[in-house]
Protein backbone atom coordinates (compact mmCIF):
# COMPACT_ATOMS: atom_id res chain seq x y z
CA SER A 1 0.00 0.00 0.00
CA CYS A 2 1.11 3.57 -0.69
CA PRO A 3 2.12 5.77 2.26
CA PRO A 4 -0.09 8.89 2.59
CA LEU A 5 2.64 11.21 1.28
CA ARG A 6 3.13 9.11 -1.83
CA LEU A 7 -0.63 9.05 -2.37
CA ALA A 8 -0.72 12.83 -2.07
CA HIS A 9 1.95 13.13 -4.77
CA ARG A 10 0.00 10.70 -6.93
CA ILE A 11 -3.12 12.82 -6.61
CA ALA A 12 -1.12 15.96 -7.39
CA ARG A 13 0.21 14.39 -10.59
CA ASN A 14 -3.25 13.33 -11.76
CA GLU A 15 -4.45 16.04 -14.12
CA TYR A 16 -7.91 17.28 -13.21
CA PRO A 17 -10.21 16.55 -16.20
CA GLY A 18 -12.47 19.58 -15.85
CA PRO A 19 -13.73 21.57 -18.85
CA GLN A 20 -11.50 24.38 -20.08
CA ALA A 21 -13.13 27.63 -21.17
CA ARG A 22 -11.67 28.87 -24.45
CA ASP A 23 -14.11 31.72 -25.16
CA SER A 24 -17.46 33.20 -24.17
CA ASN A 25 -20.18 30.61 -23.52
CA HIS A 26 -17.83 27.64 -23.66
CA VAL A 27 -18.32 26.93 -19.94
CA HIS A 28 -20.81 28.31 -17.42
CA GLN A 29 -20.71 27.55 -13.71
CA VAL A 30 -23.96 27.56 -11.73
CA ASP A 31 -24.41 27.65 -7.96
CA ALA A 32 -27.09 28.18 -5.31
CA VAL A 33 -26.05 30.18 -2.24
CA GLY A 34 -28.00 30.18 1.00
CA PRO A 35 -30.18 30.18 2.89
CA ARG A 36 -29.92 33.89 3.61
CA TYR A 37 -32.37 35.92 5.71
CA LEU A 38 -33.73 39.45 5.53
CA LYS A 39 -33.96 41.63 8.61
CA GLY A 40 -37.03 40.70 10.66
CA ASN A 41 -37.99 37.89 8.27
CA SER A 42 -37.65 34.13 8.81
CA THR A 43 -38.15 33.25 5.12
CA ARG A 44 -35.25 31.36 3.58
CA TYR A 45 -33.85 33.09 0.51
CA TYR A 46 -31.20 31.96 -1.94
CA PHE A 47 -28.94 33.57 -4.52
CA LEU A 48 -28.79 31.69 -7.80
CA VAL A 49 -25.67 32.52 -9.79
CA CYS A 50 -24.60 31.69 -13.34
CA LYS A 51 -21.11 32.80 -14.39
CA ASP A 52 -19.26 32.54 -17.68
CA VAL A 53 -15.84 31.15 -16.79
CA PHE A 54 -14.02 32.87 -19.67
CA ASP A 55 -15.39 36.40 -19.91
CA LEU A 56 -16.76 36.54 -16.31
CA THR A 57 -20.25 37.79 -17.19
CA ILE A 58 -22.85 36.91 -14.58
CA TYR A 59 -26.58 36.44 -14.23
CA MET A 60 -28.17 36.28 -10.77
CA GLU A 61 -31.56 35.92 -9.12
CA PHE A 62 -32.75 36.16 -5.51
CA VAL A 63 -35.38 33.48 -4.83
CA ASP A 64 -37.25 31.94 -1.92
CA SER A 65 -36.78 28.29 -2.89
CA ARG A 66 -34.21 25.84 -4.23
CA ARG A 67 -36.84 23.63 -5.84
CA MET A 68 -35.93 22.16 -9.20
CA ASP A 69 -38.63 24.12 -11.04
CA VAL A 70 -37.14 27.36 -9.68
CA ILE A 71 -33.69 26.25 -10.91
CA LEU A 72 -35.16 25.44 -14.32
CA ASP A 73 -36.73 28.90 -14.64
CA PHE A 74 -33.46 30.48 -13.53
CA LEU A 75 -31.46 28.60 -16.18
CA VAL A 76 -33.89 29.71 -18.88
CA HIS A 77 -33.58 33.35 -17.78
CA ALA A 78 -29.78 33.12 -17.54
CA TRP A 79 -29.44 31.63 -21.02
CA GLN A 80 -31.86 34.15 -22.49
CA GLN A 81 -29.50 36.85 -21.19
CA LEU A 82 -26.04 35.30 -21.60
CA GLY A 83 -26.70 32.77 -24.33
CA LEU A 84 -26.37 28.99 -24.21
CA PRO A 85 -23.04 27.48 -23.14
CA GLU A 86 -21.41 24.38 -24.59
CA LYS A 87 -21.07 23.02 -21.05
CA VAL A 88 -22.60 24.00 -17.72
CA GLN A 89 -20.97 22.93 -14.47
CA PHE A 90 -22.87 22.16 -11.25
CA ASP A 91 -22.15 20.68 -7.85
CA ASN A 92 -24.04 17.57 -6.76
CA ALA A 93 -26.95 19.23 -4.95
CA ARG A 94 -30.21 17.35 -5.46
CA GLU A 95 -31.88 20.35 -7.12
CA PHE A 96 -29.36 19.97 -9.94
CA CYS A 97 -28.70 16.26 -10.34
CA GLY A 98 -31.84 14.81 -8.72
CA PHE A 99 -31.86 11.88 -6.33
CA GLY A 100 -33.28 8.43 -5.80
CA HIS A 101 -35.27 7.30 -8.83
CA ALA A 102 -33.64 10.03 -10.95
CA ALA A 103 -30.54 7.91 -11.49
CA HIS A 104 -31.86 6.26 -14.65
CA SER A 105 -34.53 8.77 -15.62
CA LEU A 106 -32.27 11.84 -15.16
CA SER A 107 -33.40 15.02 -13.42
CA ARG A 108 -35.37 17.72 -15.21
CA VAL A 109 -32.34 20.02 -14.96
CA ILE A 110 -30.22 17.44 -16.79
CA ARG A 111 -33.02 16.87 -19.31
CA LEU A 112 -33.32 20.61 -19.99
CA CYS A 113 -29.58 20.80 -20.64
CA LEU A 114 -29.79 17.87 -23.06
CA ARG A 115 -32.85 19.39 -24.75
CA LEU A 116 -30.82 22.56 -25.41
CA ALA A 117 -27.67 20.71 -26.55
CA VAL A 118 -25.78 21.80 -23.41
CA GLU A 119 -23.56 19.24 -21.70
CA PRO A 120 -24.05 19.22 -17.90
CA VAL A 121 -20.86 18.56 -15.93
CA PHE A 122 -20.94 17.64 -12.23
CA ILE A 123 -17.86 18.32 -10.10
CA PRO A 124 -16.54 15.82 -7.53
CA LYS A 125 -18.61 15.55 -4.36
CA GLY A 126 -17.40 17.72 -1.50
CA LYS A 127 -15.03 19.72 -3.73
CA PRO A 128 -16.63 23.18 -4.14
CA GLN A 129 -13.24 24.60 -5.16
CA ARG A 130 -13.70 22.77 -8.47
CA ASN A 131 -16.46 25.30 -9.18
CA GLY A 132 -13.87 27.91 -8.34
CA SER A 133 -14.90 30.73 -10.67
CA VAL A 134 -18.44 31.03 -9.35
CA GLU A 135 -17.36 30.23 -5.77
CA ASN A 136 -14.83 33.09 -5.84
CA PHE A 137 -17.53 35.42 -7.11
CA ASN A 138 -19.88 34.29 -4.35
CA GLY A 139 -17.23 35.10 -1.78
CA TRP A 140 -16.78 38.56 -3.29
CA PHE A 141 -20.36 39.73 -3.76
CA GLN A 142 -21.97 38.52 -0.52
CA PRO A 143 -20.11 40.76 1.98
CA LEU A 144 -20.58 43.64 -0.44
CA LEU A 145 -24.31 43.10 -0.80
CA LEU A 146 -25.30 41.76 2.61
CA SER A 147 -23.56 44.45 4.64
CA ARG A 148 -26.83 46.37 4.36
CA PRO A 149 -29.84 45.29 6.49
CA PHE A 150 -32.36 44.61 3.71
CA ARG A 151 -35.96 44.08 4.78
CA ARG A 152 -37.65 43.42 1.43
CA PRO A 153 -36.65 41.00 -1.34
CA CYS A 154 -37.44 43.67 -3.95
CA ASP A 155 -34.65 45.81 -2.46
CA VAL A 156 -32.17 42.94 -2.78
CA ARG A 157 -33.26 42.29 -6.36
CA ARG A 158 -32.78 45.97 -7.24
CA GLU A 159 -29.24 45.85 -5.86
CA LEU A 160 -28.59 42.62 -7.76
CA ARG A 161 -29.51 44.34 -11.02
CA ARG A 162 -27.05 47.10 -10.22
CA LEU A 163 -24.38 44.58 -9.34
CA MET A 164 -24.87 42.66 -12.60
CA MET A 165 -24.68 45.88 -14.59
CA THR A 166 -21.46 46.88 -12.83
CA VAL A 167 -19.79 43.49 -13.37
CA ASN A 168 -20.94 42.98 -16.94
CA GLU A 169 -20.96 46.51 -18.36
CA GLN A 170 -18.56 48.64 -16.31
CA HIS A 171 -15.71 46.46 -15.04
CA VAL A 172 -12.87 46.38 -17.59
CA HIS A 173 -10.48 43.46 -18.11
CA ALA A 174 -6.84 43.65 -19.11
CA LYS A 175 -7.06 40.39 -21.08
CA PHE A 176 -9.74 42.00 -23.27
CA GLY A 177 -7.62 45.06 -23.97
CA GLY A 178 -9.39 47.21 -21.41
CA ARG A 179 -12.85 46.28 -22.62
CA THR A 180 -15.76 45.17 -20.47
CA ALA A 181 -17.21 41.66 -20.77
CA ILE A 182 -20.21 42.97 -22.71
CA GLN A 183 -17.93 44.88 -25.10
CA TYR A 184 -15.85 41.73 -25.61
CA ARG A 185 -19.01 39.76 -26.45
CA ARG A 186 -20.20 42.22 -29.10
CA GLY A 187 -20.06 40.81 -32.58
CA LYS A 188 -19.84 37.23 -31.40
CA GLN A 189 -22.37 34.68 -32.65
CA LEU A 190 -23.89 33.68 -29.31
CA ARG A 191 -26.65 31.10 -29.28
CA LYS A 192 -29.38 32.65 -27.12
CA LEU A 193 -32.67 31.22 -25.95
CA PRO A 194 -35.60 33.14 -27.47
CA ALA A 195 -37.62 35.36 -25.14
CA ASN A 196 -40.72 33.22 -25.65
CA PHE A 197 -39.01 29.91 -24.79
CA THR A 198 -41.03 27.71 -22.44
CA ILE A 199 -40.13 24.40 -20.82
CA GLU A 200 -42.23 21.44 -21.91
CA THR A 201 -44.29 19.79 -19.18
CA LYS A 202 -42.70 16.47 -20.07
CA LEU A 203 -39.06 16.79 -21.03
CA PRO A 204 -37.91 13.71 -22.94
CA ILE A 205 -34.30 12.56 -22.67
CA ALA A 206 -32.59 14.06 -25.71
CA VAL A 207 -29.44 12.77 -27.38
CA GLY A 208 -26.37 14.11 -25.64
CA LYS A 209 -23.78 13.67 -22.90
CA VAL A 210 -23.90 14.00 -19.10
CA THR A 211 -20.49 14.12 -17.42
CA PHE A 212 -19.40 13.49 -13.83
CA ILE A 213 -15.87 14.15 -12.60
CA ARG A 214 -15.03 11.79 -9.78
CA LEU A 215 -12.14 10.91 -7.49
CA VAL A 216 -11.81 7.11 -7.44
CA SER A 217 -12.35 5.71 -3.94
CA ILE A 218 -9.91 3.51 -2.02
CA GLN A 219 -12.17 0.59 -3.03
CA GLY A 220 -11.67 1.49 -6.69
CA THR A 221 -15.22 2.74 -7.28
CA VAL A 222 -16.96 5.90 -8.46
CA ASN A 223 -20.46 6.92 -7.47
CA ILE A 224 -22.79 8.23 -10.18
CA LEU A 225 -26.30 9.30 -9.16
CA GLY A 226 -26.33 6.93 -6.19
CA GLN A 227 -24.90 3.94 -8.06
CA ALA A 228 -21.36 2.60 -7.57
CA PHE A 229 -19.27 1.52 -10.56
CA LYS A 230 -16.08 -0.50 -10.12
CA VAL A 231 -13.21 0.99 -12.13
CA GLY A 232 -10.31 -0.73 -10.37
CA LYS A 233 -8.20 -0.18 -7.25
CA ARG A 234 -5.19 0.74 -9.35
CA LEU A 235 -6.99 4.03 -10.06
CA LYS A 236 -7.69 4.91 -6.41
CA PHE A 237 -7.27 8.59 -5.55
CA GLN A 238 -7.14 9.59 -9.22
CA TYR A 239 -9.62 11.82 -11.00
CA VAL A 240 -11.60 10.28 -13.83
CA LYS A 241 -14.23 11.63 -16.19
CA VAL A 242 -17.41 9.56 -16.34
CA THR A 243 -19.81 10.30 -19.20
CA ILE A 244 -23.29 8.96 -19.89
CA TYR A 245 -24.06 8.82 -23.63
CA THR A 246 -27.85 8.93 -23.83
CA LYS A 247 -28.08 7.82 -27.47
CA PHE A 248 -26.23 4.56 -26.82
CA GLN A 249 -27.26 4.20 -23.13
CA LYS A 250 -23.63 3.69 -22.20
CA LEU A 251 -21.52 4.96 -19.33
CA LYS A 252 -17.85 5.45 -20.21
CA VAL A 253 -14.95 6.15 -17.87
CA TYR A 254 -11.91 8.13 -19.06
CA LEU A 255 -8.51 8.68 -17.48
CA LYS A 256 -6.43 11.46 -19.05
CA GLY A 257 -8.67 11.30 -22.10
CA LYS A 258 -8.28 7.55 -22.58
CA LEU A 259 -11.28 5.22 -22.37
CA ILE A 260 -10.64 2.69 -19.59
CA LYS A 261 -14.08 1.24 -18.73
CA GLU A 262 -17.51 1.00 -20.28
CA PHE A 263 -20.82 0.00 -18.70
CA PRO A 264 -24.40 -0.33 -20.00
CA TYR A 265 -26.60 2.43 -18.57
CA SER A 266 -30.28 1.95 -19.33
CA LEU A 267 -32.38 5.12 -19.30
CA SER A 268 -36.05 5.59 -18.49
CA ASN A 269 -38.11 8.33 -20.16
CA LYS A 270 -40.72 8.34 -17.38
């Protein structure tokens, strides 16, 4: 067996297989922050945040629920404003990936992504730093915004609009030659959701990919939507990319871009 220090070096050498943003709308990161409370109010509120990893544009909402239908509406609004990404990255909260019976029917959030030809990517469990771009933003905006004792959600939402305008339209970036994110995006062919887009009551599972990045356990397994898959003890403590291909109903495991395991993964359209 490997001593802990040797294992740590092994983990450090294992390249993390997360998506790399090459331009606007290549990768979005989405997060839910909360609960947060208003002064004199016991209602639980949450910030929903969508951030473009490359150009740093943001879209935010202040809501009173983390239910999946609220997340779905938020994603529609975000992608009407920012445009559709190639990939969208989430953590493993149940409002994103579902739970229980959702393993082989896929959550409505995953189904919406597939319907819109967006690949959902789920970071390793318990590793929020792997959603680092949006997590860093969350750490920046909350002290700034919550230093004031808001009493009404409409006041918070007004400040959020101001914050989004400042970040997207006023903050300049050296890597864009002193332009703002919105100025950088001008002239680009961004695929946006139409203003009249509505989510179907029954979202079928469309053809596409769903990816999970996982650290292989000491037992040599990875957990995908509540189900364990054996990939081999020789891979323990290494990051692998696990992708469900809905067209072929296959689950494939990759290490450093190389296919190492394949499993059948039957899907239910219920």
